[in-house]
Amino acid sequence: MMSDELMNPTPAGKSQENPALSRAARTQQATQDEKFLETPQPEHKIFTNTDPWRVLRILGEFVSGFEELAELGPAVSIFGSARTSPDDPMYRAAIETARLLAESSLAIITGGGPGIMEAGNKGAQQGGGVSVGLNIELPFEQGTNRYVQIPINFHYFFVRKTMFVKYAQAFVIFPGGFGTLDELFEALTLIQTGKIRNFPVILFGSAYWAGLLDWLRQTMLAEGKISPADLDLIVVTDSPQEVRDLITKAMVEGGWSQEKEDAAREETRKVYQQGGAAKASG
């Protein structure tokens, strides 16, 4: 039979030690409640500029985005240069592509700015679809294009990028610059590493993308930095109708390129399991 001392290691009437709870007393500092209720003084550092407060702002942006887009339904994210003018053939192609997708009951998500983004939102409206613009705070004045029906503003790029991926069934990528390439390679990386599946990545404008694709084959692939299966994840087209057909087929049938995606993931798995020592096949 166990003694009372073993069954009750802390004598009655005496508190059990809790070093974490007593941290303020032991270090002779104010408690967290005391700090919270203290009236800020001008000489004190503004707490809204500290990292803990930024974490709350980041959380708030995620919550806001999730709430706004939770009931959006199937959608496609369209990317491309903000510098594309309305008289550019790519602007007109983006309108037509978005219109066809909207007529197929797909919402259109863009960055909410000018150029290809504006064209995508305009096409969504013409097709009777939902037009979403995910704007980002930049160090200069900007606005939201007039064709956006659901505008959402973000302070942090990585929160915004999450929304582009999470609520889309595919990426359609028109000619663009650094930001466009950022979205392209992020999507390919997410597919390659198994983070997203059944996700078409379509490059629009074969002439524009030819140089990049040549470099990927002749440099990255040739040096073993990627595998042939990785390149198979990319579809190139000059046809708005083909964009619509590829995406709607993927949604209806599922696994539009499961074999290609699985092959790319398998090559990535081999590299990591071999400690990165082996080159990608090919």
Foldseek 3Di string as FASTA:
>chain_A
DDDPCVVCVADPPDDDDDCVVCVCVVVVHDDPVVVVPDDDDPVDDDVCPDPVVVVVVLVVLLVVLCVLCVPQPEAEEEEAALPADCVDVLLVLLLCLLLLQLLVVHEYEYQQFHHSLLSNLNSNVNNVHAAEHEHEDDPDDGDGDPSHPHYRYDDDPVSSLCSNPPRYQEYEYEYHDDVSVVSQVVVLVCLLQVVDALYQYEYEDCVRCVVVLCCCVPPCPVVLVADPLSVVSYHYDNDSVVVNVLRVCCVVVPPSPVVSSVVSNVQVVVCVVVVNPDGRDD
